[in-house]
């Protein structure tokens, strides 16, 4: 079954009526709404942890690329002066 409280799960429903029915089943079911939202928050935290790792890598790659570009500009300018 699709997760009705998470955007990825919501997109799996064919229409709004199916989504509404799933939400009603969730409210009336054995599983509490709190349990569903706890699972959602946990999954989002895992996703954000992975995103944070890749954003850190991207920042370092940008710094390295800028360093090499500035170095290339300096060497090119130095050769023109010589």
Protein backbone atom coordinates (compact mmCIF):
# COMPACT_ATOMS: atom_id res chain seq x y z
CA UNK A 1 0.00 0.00 0.00
CA UNK A 2 1.10 3.56 -0.65
CA UNK A 3 2.13 5.79 2.23
CA UNK A 4 -0.66 8.43 2.39
CA UNK A 5 1.37 10.95 4.38
CA UNK A 6 4.47 11.06 2.20
CA UNK A 7 4.68 12.82 -1.17
CA UNK A 8 6.07 9.74 -2.92
CA UNK A 9 3.19 7.65 -1.65
CA UNK A 10 0.55 10.27 -2.43
CA UNK A 11 1.64 10.34 -6.09
CA UNK A 12 1.02 6.58 -6.36
CA UNK A 13 -2.72 6.97 -5.87
CA UNK A 14 -4.68 6.96 -9.14
CA UNK A 15 -7.00 9.79 -8.08
CA UNK A 16 -8.10 11.93 -5.15
CA UNK A 17 -10.92 9.55 -4.22
CA UNK A 18 -8.51 6.66 -3.71
CA UNK A 19 -6.28 8.91 -1.63
CA UNK A 20 -9.27 10.04 0.47
CA UNK A 21 -10.32 6.42 1.02
CA UNK A 22 -6.82 5.49 2.16
CA UNK A 23 -6.74 8.41 4.61
CA UNK A 24 -10.12 7.37 6.01
CA UNK A 25 -8.85 3.80 6.42
CA UNK A 26 -5.79 5.15 8.20
CA UNK A 27 -7.86 7.17 10.66
CA UNK A 28 -10.24 4.29 11.32
CA UNK A 29 -7.63 1.50 11.28
CA UNK A 30 -5.65 -0.20 14.02
CA UNK A 31 -2.50 1.76 13.30
CA UNK A 32 -2.51 5.20 14.83
CA UNK A 33 -1.94 8.37 12.86
CA UNK A 34 0.98 9.11 15.16
CA UNK A 35 2.73 5.88 14.13
CA UNK A 36 2.32 6.80 10.48
CA UNK A 37 3.76 10.26 10.97
CA UNK A 38 6.62 8.91 13.10
CA UNK A 39 7.60 6.60 10.21
CA UNK A 40 7.37 9.54 7.81
CA UNK A 41 9.56 11.80 9.96
CA UNK A 42 12.11 9.00 10.33
CA UNK A 43 12.27 8.40 6.57
CA UNK A 44 12.62 12.13 5.87
CA UNK A 45 15.46 12.31 8.39
CA UNK A 46 17.26 9.47 6.58
CA UNK A 47 16.75 11.21 3.22
CA UNK A 48 18.05 14.52 4.61
CA UNK A 49 21.11 12.79 6.05
CA UNK A 50 22.00 11.45 2.60
CA UNK A 51 21.29 14.85 0.98
CA UNK A 52 23.55 16.57 3.52
CA UNK A 53 26.40 14.21 2.64
CA UNK A 54 26.08 14.95 -1.07
CA UNK A 55 25.71 18.71 -0.55
CA UNK A 56 28.96 18.63 1.45
CA UNK A 57 30.70 16.83 -1.40
CA UNK A 58 29.30 19.32 -3.92
CA UNK A 59 30.62 22.26 -1.92
CA UNK A 60 34.12 20.78 -1.86
CA UNK A 61 33.99 20.07 -5.60
CA UNK A 62 32.98 23.68 -6.30
CA UNK A 63 35.86 24.94 -4.13
CA UNK A 64 38.34 22.67 -5.92
CA UNK A 65 37.02 23.70 -9.35
CA UNK A 66 37.30 27.39 -8.46
CA UNK A 67 40.85 26.87 -7.19
CA UNK A 68 41.90 25.24 -10.47
CA UNK A 69 40.20 27.93 -12.55
CA UNK A 70 41.87 30.73 -10.63
CA UNK A 71 45.21 28.93 -10.88
CA UNK A 72 44.78 28.59 -14.64
CA UNK A 73 43.94 32.29 -14.96
CA UNK A 74 47.00 33.27 -12.90
CA UNK A 75 49.34 31.08 -14.98
CA UNK A 76 47.86 32.40 -18.23
CA UNK A 77 48.27 35.99 -17.07
CA UNK A 78 51.84 35.29 -15.87
CA UNK A 79 52.79 33.86 -19.27
CA UNK A 80 51.41 36.93 -21.05
CA UNK A 81 53.61 39.18 -18.84
CA UNK A 82 56.76 37.18 -19.52
